[in-house]
Amino acid sequence: TRPTVEPTRPATKPTASPSVAGCPQGEHQREVEAYLARLGGFGRVTVDGRQSAADCDAIRKFQRRYDIRPAHGRAGPTTHDVAKRLATTDTARCRAGSGTTFCIDLTRQTTWVMRNGKVLVPPTVTRTGMPGYRTPAGTFTINYRNVKEWSDPYEVWLPYWQHFTQGMGFHQTTTYLHEKSIGSHGCVNLLPGDAIRYWKLGKVGSKVVLVGRRPGT
């Protein structure tokens, strides 16, 4: 008897990742959707792991807010990292007390502002000292401010400078904030809009509380 030969079946094409026009799905789609839903304020997202026009708009809005480049709506590694850090920041770790307090979570590389024990400015991203220039944890006060300070050691202008200890302070970042292979020389780097907001809220005598430790330092 002759062996039975199965008919040849056409190869099945792999299913492409769901996407919308000009907005491909990223490898962290579901996680980013969940973090944005938890954070709120970026528009409607559906936590299902599938890209949609609404999801894309929300992710783009998030990327523009935190200067994640390019702001193309794709849930890639940087977007996932930033969203996770912000969504998991515990603002209660900052023992703020009365008055205005600037809080920094060195472990998550996030910062926020509290007033009289309540969150005034929700967590945003920061970048602190790189290996060899660790930003210390502790409680300090702003003791000097200058809208544009010149750094002699590093020969660079530091916009919205607010010093709080050992030559370290808040200032607008002078490089791409999300470049994780580098860091500051101990300062708390801020995005331009955040640096301006911190400048307007701060004054000599304002309290600064830093908790945790930047990984790798």
Foldseek 3Di string as FASTA:
>chain_A
DDDDDDDDDDDDDDDAAAADVQAGEAPCQLLLLVLCVLVDDQFDGDNDSHDDPRQQSSQLSVCVVQVPPPSRSYCYDLSNLQSVLQSPDDPVVDPAAAAKEWEAEQASQWIFIDHRHHTPGGIGHKFFAAPVQWADFDKWWFADWDQWDADPVVGDIFGGFTDTDDPETEGADPDNGSPVVHGDSGYIHDHPVVSVVCSVRGDGGHMYGYDDTYPPD
